[in-house]
Each structure stands twice: as C-alpha cells, then as structure tokens.
Protein backbone atom coordinates (compact mmCIF):
# COMPACT_ATOMS: atom_id res chain seq x y z
CA MET A 1 -192.32 81.57 -74.49
CA ASP A 2 -195.63 83.15 -73.65
CA LEU A 3 -198.79 81.31 -74.20
CA ALA A 4 -201.67 82.91 -76.21
CA PRO A 5 -205.16 82.43 -75.01
CA GLU A 6 -206.25 80.58 -78.17
CA GLU A 7 -203.36 78.02 -77.76
CA LEU A 8 -204.53 77.14 -74.15
CA GLN A 9 -206.88 74.20 -75.42
CA PHE A 10 -203.88 72.57 -77.35
CA LEU A 11 -201.56 72.14 -74.01
CA SER A 12 -200.32 68.49 -73.85
CA ILE A 13 -199.95 66.79 -70.62
CA ARG A 14 -196.52 68.14 -70.33
CA GLY A 15 -197.50 71.58 -71.11
CA ILE A 16 -200.15 71.65 -68.48
CA LEU A 17 -197.50 69.84 -66.22
CA ARG A 18 -195.33 72.73 -66.93
CA GLU A 19 -197.79 75.43 -66.73
CA SER A 20 -198.80 74.09 -63.25
CA THR A 21 -195.42 74.03 -61.76
CA SER A 22 -194.77 77.65 -62.76
CA ILE A 23 -197.68 78.92 -60.63
CA PRO A 24 -196.33 79.17 -57.27
CA LYS A 25 -193.62 81.35 -58.27
CA PHE A 26 -196.11 84.21 -58.73
CA SER A 27 -197.24 83.96 -55.07
CA PRO A 28 -194.62 82.10 -53.45
CA LYS A 29 -195.69 83.14 -49.96
CA THR A 30 -199.22 82.15 -50.25
CA PHE A 31 -198.34 78.82 -52.01
CA TYR A 32 -195.68 78.01 -49.09
CA LEU A 33 -198.31 78.54 -46.39
CA ILE A 34 -200.92 76.64 -48.07
CA THR A 35 -198.34 73.74 -48.32
CA LEU A 36 -197.40 74.07 -44.78
CA ILE A 37 -200.64 74.47 -43.06
CA LEU A 38 -202.91 72.39 -45.19
CA ILE A 39 -201.38 69.95 -47.85
CA PHE A 40 -198.53 68.77 -45.60
CA PRO A 41 -200.71 67.80 -42.49
CA LEU A 42 -202.82 65.89 -45.27
CA SER A 43 -199.85 63.96 -46.83
CA PHE A 44 -198.40 63.39 -43.30
CA ALA A 45 -201.81 61.68 -42.13
CA ILE A 46 -202.19 59.63 -45.56
CA LEU A 47 -198.65 57.96 -45.06
CA ALA A 48 -198.58 58.02 -40.84
CA HIS A 49 -201.89 56.41 -40.79
CA SER A 50 -200.54 52.74 -40.98
CA LEU A 51 -197.93 53.44 -38.24
CA PHE A 52 -200.86 53.95 -35.75
CA THR A 53 -203.05 50.92 -37.37
CA GLN A 54 -200.30 48.54 -37.80
CA PRO A 55 -199.50 48.17 -34.00
CA ILE A 56 -203.15 47.88 -32.93
CA PHE A 57 -203.77 45.22 -35.54
CA ALA A 58 -200.74 43.50 -34.03
CA GLN A 59 -201.73 43.66 -30.55
CA ILE A 60 -205.28 42.39 -31.68
CA ASP A 61 -203.51 39.20 -33.03
CA THR A 62 -201.84 38.58 -30.01
CA TYR A 63 -204.54 38.20 -27.69
CA PRO A 64 -206.13 34.68 -27.08
CA PRO A 65 -209.74 34.23 -28.44
CA ALA A 66 -210.97 33.91 -24.82
CA ASP A 67 -209.89 37.47 -23.80
CA GLN A 68 -213.06 38.98 -25.80
CA ALA A 69 -212.94 42.08 -23.29
CA GLN A 70 -209.64 43.33 -24.31
CA THR A 71 -210.44 42.53 -27.97
CA GLN A 72 -213.47 44.19 -28.23
CA HIS A 73 -211.59 47.45 -26.41
CA GLU A 74 -208.91 47.34 -29.22
CA TRP A 75 -211.31 47.27 -31.94
CA THR A 76 -213.25 49.92 -30.30
CA VAL A 77 -209.86 52.27 -30.15
CA LEU A 78 -209.18 51.43 -34.00
CA LEU A 79 -212.81 52.32 -34.86
CA VAL A 80 -212.60 55.58 -33.10
CA PHE A 81 -209.40 56.34 -34.60
CA GLN A 82 -210.41 55.02 -38.20
CA PHE A 83 -213.34 57.54 -38.06
CA CYS A 84 -211.16 60.57 -36.56
CA TYR A 85 -208.80 59.92 -39.50
CA VAL A 86 -211.35 59.94 -42.25
CA ILE A 87 -212.74 63.07 -40.73
CA PHE A 88 -209.31 64.77 -40.69
CA LEU A 89 -208.54 63.40 -44.40
CA PHE A 90 -212.13 64.64 -45.68
CA ALA A 91 -211.80 68.14 -44.13
CA PHE A 92 -208.04 68.70 -45.03
CA SER A 93 -208.85 67.45 -48.76
CA LEU A 94 -211.40 70.09 -49.05
CA LEU A 95 -209.68 72.83 -47.45
CA SER A 96 -206.52 72.10 -49.71
CA THR A 97 -208.54 71.83 -52.82
CA ALA A 98 -210.39 75.23 -52.09
CA ALA A 99 -207.34 76.99 -51.35
CA VAL A 100 -205.19 76.04 -54.43
CA VAL A 101 -208.27 76.32 -56.74
CA PHE A 102 -209.12 79.89 -54.90
CA THR A 103 -205.62 80.82 -55.59
CA VAL A 104 -205.03 79.88 -58.97
CA ALA A 105 -208.16 81.52 -60.25
CA SER A 106 -207.04 84.96 -58.59
CA LEU A 107 -203.56 84.79 -60.08
CA TYR A 108 -205.22 84.01 -63.44
CA THR A 109 -207.62 86.88 -63.48
CA GLY A 110 -204.52 88.95 -62.64
CA LYS A 111 -205.45 89.79 -58.88
CA PRO A 112 -203.02 90.08 -55.80
CA VAL A 113 -203.57 87.33 -53.76
CA SER A 114 -202.34 86.35 -50.03
CA PHE A 115 -202.92 83.66 -47.84
CA SER A 116 -205.41 85.44 -45.54
CA SER A 117 -207.65 86.53 -48.64
CA THR A 118 -207.59 82.85 -49.52
CA MET A 119 -208.35 81.41 -46.26
CA SER A 120 -211.04 84.23 -46.00
CA ALA A 121 -212.96 83.00 -49.08
CA ILE A 122 -212.70 79.26 -48.22
CA PRO A 123 -215.83 79.24 -45.88
CA LEU A 124 -217.84 80.30 -49.19
CA VAL A 125 -217.17 77.67 -51.20
CA LEU A 126 -216.95 74.51 -48.60
CA LYS A 127 -220.58 74.01 -48.83
CA ARG A 128 -220.44 73.55 -52.47
CA LEU A 129 -217.59 71.33 -52.14
CA PHE A 130 -218.77 69.13 -49.49
CA ILE A 131 -222.22 68.38 -51.23
CA THR A 132 -220.21 67.62 -54.58
CA PHE A 133 -217.95 65.21 -52.58
CA LEU A 134 -221.04 63.64 -51.20
CA TRP A 135 -222.61 63.04 -54.19
CA VAL A 136 -219.15 61.55 -55.64
CA SER A 137 -218.84 59.19 -52.82
CA LEU A 138 -222.47 57.82 -53.56
CA LEU A 139 -221.36 57.22 -57.03
CA MET A 140 -218.26 55.78 -56.27
CA LEU A 141 -219.93 53.34 -53.37
CA ALA A 142 -222.45 52.34 -56.17
CA TYR A 143 -219.62 51.38 -58.62
CA ASN A 144 -217.66 49.50 -55.64
CA THR A 145 -220.93 47.97 -55.08
CA VAL A 146 -221.12 46.40 -58.46
CA PHE A 147 -217.77 45.42 -58.42
CA LEU A 148 -218.13 43.16 -55.50
CA ILE A 149 -221.37 41.80 -57.04
CA PHE A 150 -219.59 40.86 -59.94
CA LEU A 151 -216.53 39.72 -58.23
CA VAL A 152 -218.92 37.46 -55.91
CA ALA A 153 -220.76 35.98 -59.06
CA LEU A 154 -217.70 35.11 -60.90
CA ILE A 155 -216.63 33.22 -57.67
CA VAL A 156 -220.07 31.43 -57.69
CA ALA A 157 -220.25 30.96 -61.66
CA VAL A 158 -216.81 30.00 -62.63
CA ASP A 159 -215.22 26.58 -62.28
CA LEU A 160 -212.54 27.03 -59.89
CA GLN A 161 -210.92 23.90 -61.73
CA ASN A 162 -210.69 26.08 -65.05
CA VAL A 163 -207.76 28.32 -63.28
CA GLY A 164 -207.22 30.01 -66.91
CA LEU A 165 -210.76 31.15 -67.11
CA ALA A 166 -211.14 32.38 -63.51
CA VAL A 167 -207.72 34.63 -63.83
CA PHE A 168 -208.77 35.88 -67.09
CA SER A 169 -212.22 36.85 -65.91
CA LEU A 170 -210.77 38.29 -62.75
CA LEU A 171 -208.59 40.20 -64.82
CA VAL A 172 -211.16 41.80 -67.10
CA ILE A 173 -213.36 42.70 -64.13
CA LEU A 174 -210.32 44.30 -62.46
CA VAL A 175 -209.38 46.22 -65.67
CA LEU A 176 -212.94 47.38 -65.84
CA PHE A 177 -212.98 48.63 -62.29
CA LEU A 178 -209.62 50.65 -62.70
CA GLY A 179 -210.90 52.11 -65.57
CA VAL A 180 -214.36 53.14 -63.95
CA HIS A 181 -212.28 54.34 -60.80
CA VAL A 182 -209.42 56.52 -62.76
CA TYR A 183 -212.49 58.07 -64.86
CA MET A 184 -214.92 58.85 -61.88
CA THR A 185 -211.65 60.42 -59.90
CA ALA A 186 -211.25 62.68 -63.10
CA LEU A 187 -214.68 63.49 -62.90
CA TRP A 188 -214.43 64.33 -59.34
CA HIS A 189 -211.25 66.45 -59.37
CA LEU A 190 -212.82 68.81 -62.12
CA ALA A 191 -216.35 68.77 -60.37
CA SER A 192 -214.60 70.03 -57.58
CA VAL A 193 -212.92 72.79 -59.37
CA VAL A 194 -216.33 73.54 -61.16
CA SER A 195 -218.03 73.54 -57.54
CA VAL A 196 -215.31 76.45 -56.43
CA LEU A 197 -215.61 78.65 -59.52
CA GLU A 198 -219.03 78.12 -61.05
CA PRO A 199 -222.65 78.55 -59.24
CA VAL A 200 -223.09 74.86 -59.35
CA TYR A 201 -222.55 71.81 -57.45
CA GLY A 202 -223.33 68.28 -56.41
CA LEU A 203 -224.97 66.79 -59.58
CA ALA A 204 -224.80 69.79 -61.46
CA ALA A 205 -221.27 70.00 -60.87
CA MET A 206 -221.00 66.27 -62.00
CA LYS A 207 -223.00 66.99 -64.87
CA LYS A 208 -220.94 70.01 -66.08
CA SER A 209 -217.75 68.19 -65.43
CA TYR A 210 -218.94 65.34 -67.48
CA GLU A 211 -219.52 67.70 -70.61
CA LEU A 212 -216.23 69.62 -69.89
CA LEU A 213 -214.48 66.06 -70.13
CA LYS A 214 -215.65 65.41 -73.42
CA GLY A 215 -212.95 65.39 -76.06
CA LYS A 216 -210.30 65.28 -72.80
CA THR A 217 -211.38 62.27 -71.30
CA PHE A 218 -208.06 60.56 -72.47
CA MET A 219 -205.86 63.10 -71.21
CA ALA A 220 -207.83 63.58 -67.83
CA CYS A 221 -207.64 59.66 -67.17
CA SER A 222 -203.80 59.60 -68.33
CA MET A 223 -203.22 62.44 -65.59
CA VAL A 224 -205.21 60.95 -62.99
CA PHE A 225 -203.62 57.41 -63.31
CA ILE A 226 -199.96 59.25 -63.23
CA TYR A 227 -200.94 60.84 -59.77
CA LEU A 228 -202.31 57.69 -58.77
CA ALA A 229 -199.55 55.58 -59.70
CA HIS A 230 -197.08 57.98 -58.00
CA CYS A 231 -199.05 57.97 -54.69
CA GLY A 232 -199.51 54.18 -54.92
CA LEU A 233 -195.45 53.95 -55.10
CA ILE A 234 -195.11 56.44 -52.40
CA ALA A 235 -197.46 54.47 -50.31
CA GLY A 236 -195.64 50.95 -50.88
CA VAL A 237 -192.30 52.29 -50.20
CA PHE A 238 -193.41 53.79 -46.82
CA GLY A 239 -195.24 50.56 -45.66
CA SER A 240 -192.19 48.55 -46.74
CA VAL A 241 -189.52 50.63 -45.27
CA VAL A 242 -190.88 52.47 -42.38
CA VAL A 243 -193.98 50.58 -41.20
CA HIS A 244 -192.90 46.71 -41.84
CA GLY A 245 -189.17 47.58 -42.15
CA GLY A 246 -188.52 47.69 -38.30
CA GLU A 247 -186.43 44.44 -38.09
CA ASP A 248 -184.24 45.46 -40.89
CA ASN A 249 -183.81 49.10 -40.76
CA GLY A 250 -182.70 51.50 -37.93
CA ILE A 251 -185.02 53.97 -36.31
CA PHE A 252 -182.62 56.71 -38.03
CA THR A 253 -183.24 55.43 -41.27
CA ARG A 254 -186.86 54.88 -40.88
CA ILE A 255 -187.44 58.38 -39.82
CA VAL A 256 -185.11 60.05 -42.65
CA ALA A 257 -187.11 57.65 -45.39
CA GLY A 258 -190.16 58.64 -43.87
CA GLY A 259 -189.63 62.29 -43.90
CA PHE A 260 -188.42 62.20 -47.43
CA LEU A 261 -191.12 60.36 -48.59
CA VAL A 262 -193.75 62.56 -46.71
CA GLY A 263 -192.04 65.75 -48.55
CA VAL A 264 -192.26 63.66 -51.71
CA LEU A 265 -195.94 63.20 -51.23
CA VAL A 266 -196.61 66.76 -50.49
CA ILE A 267 -195.11 67.58 -53.92
CA VAL A 268 -197.45 65.41 -55.49
CA ASN A 269 -200.43 66.50 -53.75
CA LEU A 270 -199.69 70.21 -54.71
CA ILE A 271 -198.75 69.56 -57.98
CA GLY A 272 -201.92 67.15 -58.57
CA LEU A 273 -204.01 70.10 -57.18
CA LEU A 274 -202.45 72.92 -59.18
CA VAL A 275 -202.91 70.55 -62.54
CA GLN A 276 -206.48 69.98 -61.68
CA SER A 277 -207.00 73.87 -61.72
CA VAL A 278 -205.06 74.42 -65.06
CA PHE A 279 -207.09 71.30 -66.38
CA TYR A 280 -210.35 73.22 -65.86
CA TYR A 281 -209.34 76.20 -67.86
CA VAL A 282 -207.94 74.03 -70.78
CA CYS A 283 -211.26 72.14 -70.90
CA LYS A 284 -213.27 75.45 -70.86
CA SER A 285 -210.90 76.62 -73.83
CA PHE A 286 -211.38 73.54 -75.52
CA HIS A 287 -215.12 73.92 -75.41
CA HIS A 288 -214.71 77.62 -76.47
CA GLN A 289 -216.90 78.49 -73.25
CA GLU A 290 -216.40 81.89 -71.66
CA ILE A 291 -214.92 82.48 -68.41
CA ASP A 292 -216.40 85.50 -66.88
CA LYS A 293 -214.68 87.17 -64.17
CA SER A 294 -218.09 88.29 -62.75
CA ALA A 295 -218.87 84.73 -62.01
CA LEU A 296 -215.66 84.42 -59.94
CA HIS A 297 -216.45 87.64 -58.26
CA ASP A 298 -219.94 86.59 -57.10
CA HIS A 299 -219.19 83.14 -56.31
CA LEU A 300 -215.79 83.82 -54.27
CA GLY A 301 -217.53 86.42 -52.36
CA GLY A 302 -215.85 89.68 -53.72
CA TYR A 303 -212.09 88.61 -53.11
CA LEU A 304 -211.10 89.21 -56.81
CA GLY A 305 -211.87 93.01 -56.44
CA GLU A 306 -213.90 95.11 -59.12
CA TYR A 307 -215.34 93.43 -62.03
CA VAL A 308 -213.46 93.34 -65.20
CA PRO A 309 -215.10 90.76 -67.78
CA LEU A 310 -212.73 88.00 -69.27
CA LYS A 311 -214.11 86.84 -72.31
CA SER A 312 -213.34 83.77 -74.37
CA ASN A 313 -210.16 81.90 -72.65
CA ILE A 314 -208.52 82.70 -69.37
CA GLN A 315 -205.81 84.98 -69.89
CA MET A 316 -202.37 83.19 -69.53
CA GLU A 317 -199.84 85.53 -71.21
CA ASN A 318 -198.16 86.46 -67.87
CA PHE A 319 -197.01 82.76 -67.29
CA ASP A 320 -194.33 80.98 -69.12
CA VAL A 321 -194.67 77.51 -70.60
C-alpha cells in the first residue's frame, strides 16, 4: 500500500518499523557497505569490549596487594584500552549516524545515492554532530550527577532498618532515572538527525528536537526503550555465554554464539538508525513543518543535485508500508 504524505504523521510504531526496514532495498549496495564498514565494527566493539577487559580485571585480582608495580601496570593498560575504546565507539557512532541519515534523506528526496557520495558528505556534517553529542554528554553527565546525589541522600537519610521504605525509595529513584535516561536518549537521537539535515546543532538542535518531540514523546520513548531493551538483552546473553561461559561452553560454541549475537546487534543498530531517520519526518509531518530540499542541498554540500522544492511533508509515495 502506498503511503500518502498526509498520512505520514499517523504512522504507528509498527508502521515506522515497516517503513524503516523497507528502505535498504532501494539502495542495497549502499546500505550493505554502510553496515559492513561502519555498523559492524561498532556492534562488534560494543560486545567484544568485555572480552578484553574481563581478563585484565581477573589478572588484577590475582596479584597480591604488595605487588603494586604490576597492579599499576595492569590498571594503566586497562585505562589506555578504555580510552581507545571510547574514541573508537564515539567515532563509529557518529559516522554510522551521519551515513544512514544522509542516505535516507537522499532516497526520500528522490536522488540516486551511492556509498562514495555518502562518505563524501559525512565530513560536512560531522562537526555539527560532534558539537550536538558534546552537549548531550554534558546534559547526561548532569542528570547522572543528580541521580548519584539523590542516591547518596537516600542512603544517609533513610533508616536502613526500615527495609520496605528503603527499597520503595530506591525503586522510585531508579524509575525516575530510567525515565529521564530514555527521554534524553530519544532527544539525542532526534537531535542527531536534526544536526545532519538542518542548519542547527548543539543546544539549538536539542531545542529543535524537544519541539519536534511534543505530541510524539510517548512514541519516541517507547521506541527507545524497545531498542535499549534489545541491546541490553543481547549484551547480557553475550556476557553469560561468551565472556563468562568458558567453563561450561566449548570454544566452538562460544565463537558461534558470539558471531550470531554480533550479527543480531548489527541488525538492531541498523534498524535503530533507520527508525530515528524516519521518525524525524514523522515529527515534521505531525507539526506541519515544511521540509525544503534546498536546506538539504545547502547543508549536505550539494550532493543531492539540483534544487527542487519539497513542500509540506516528505514524499514517500515510492515506499511500501
């Protein structure tokens, strides 16, 4: 069934998912290369990270307290590895987001895309994505600090003898923290798309994302929660079967299970990036905002070709839902 532009704002979560998963078939080679070169290394690093850190922690635990030199050496190795891991994760996360958002925008505006044109456009948007990510990181650091303060205050103020009250208070704080985290993640994902497709970034992109989320907050938070739940489940199974399952599972079982779980996480991450791209257009349509192709032309460096104004909602008649 063809989706008329005016129907875009009424897409349900299932409709957004169907629309998102249908996009790669319009440029399979481009999405295959994006997945292989950008999303696969990102997903592999997320899961394989614990394979390298767990042996270091185990080795630190085996050293006697008197052997400070060797312990300090292991901690140095761990900190260097963690630093390199964060940089790698940060870089490939930004690259994957920029590549998928640019490719989806090109397809939605009816322009041919290729992996080379996508990679050529990425440097033009990385600065905006980087600045937006920094502001999001500061905001996340702020609410994590507030959460820790409340947690410490709870430990100090609540009588630990009253177990029921302590558990209830802890649950309330955890639920509030989870709610804020999910909302901030939704805000971040949408701000990332805004930073690629519009002439705003940083706090301005966050503000624009906040405005776009109005009326769609529950849908956005639901999709983010589903995404985080899938990622958490995959990471949990990977940890129990591959990382900590050495005694019970053979090396072949661990390799097969690890490869399968990495593949599943690759699919989840790709769909997550596609969903956040489609959701941007859903929010724009919901607020009856114009999506002008000239803006995409200017901010993506002219890789979308000649100017053709795209009024009202994004044209999606060519996509089956």
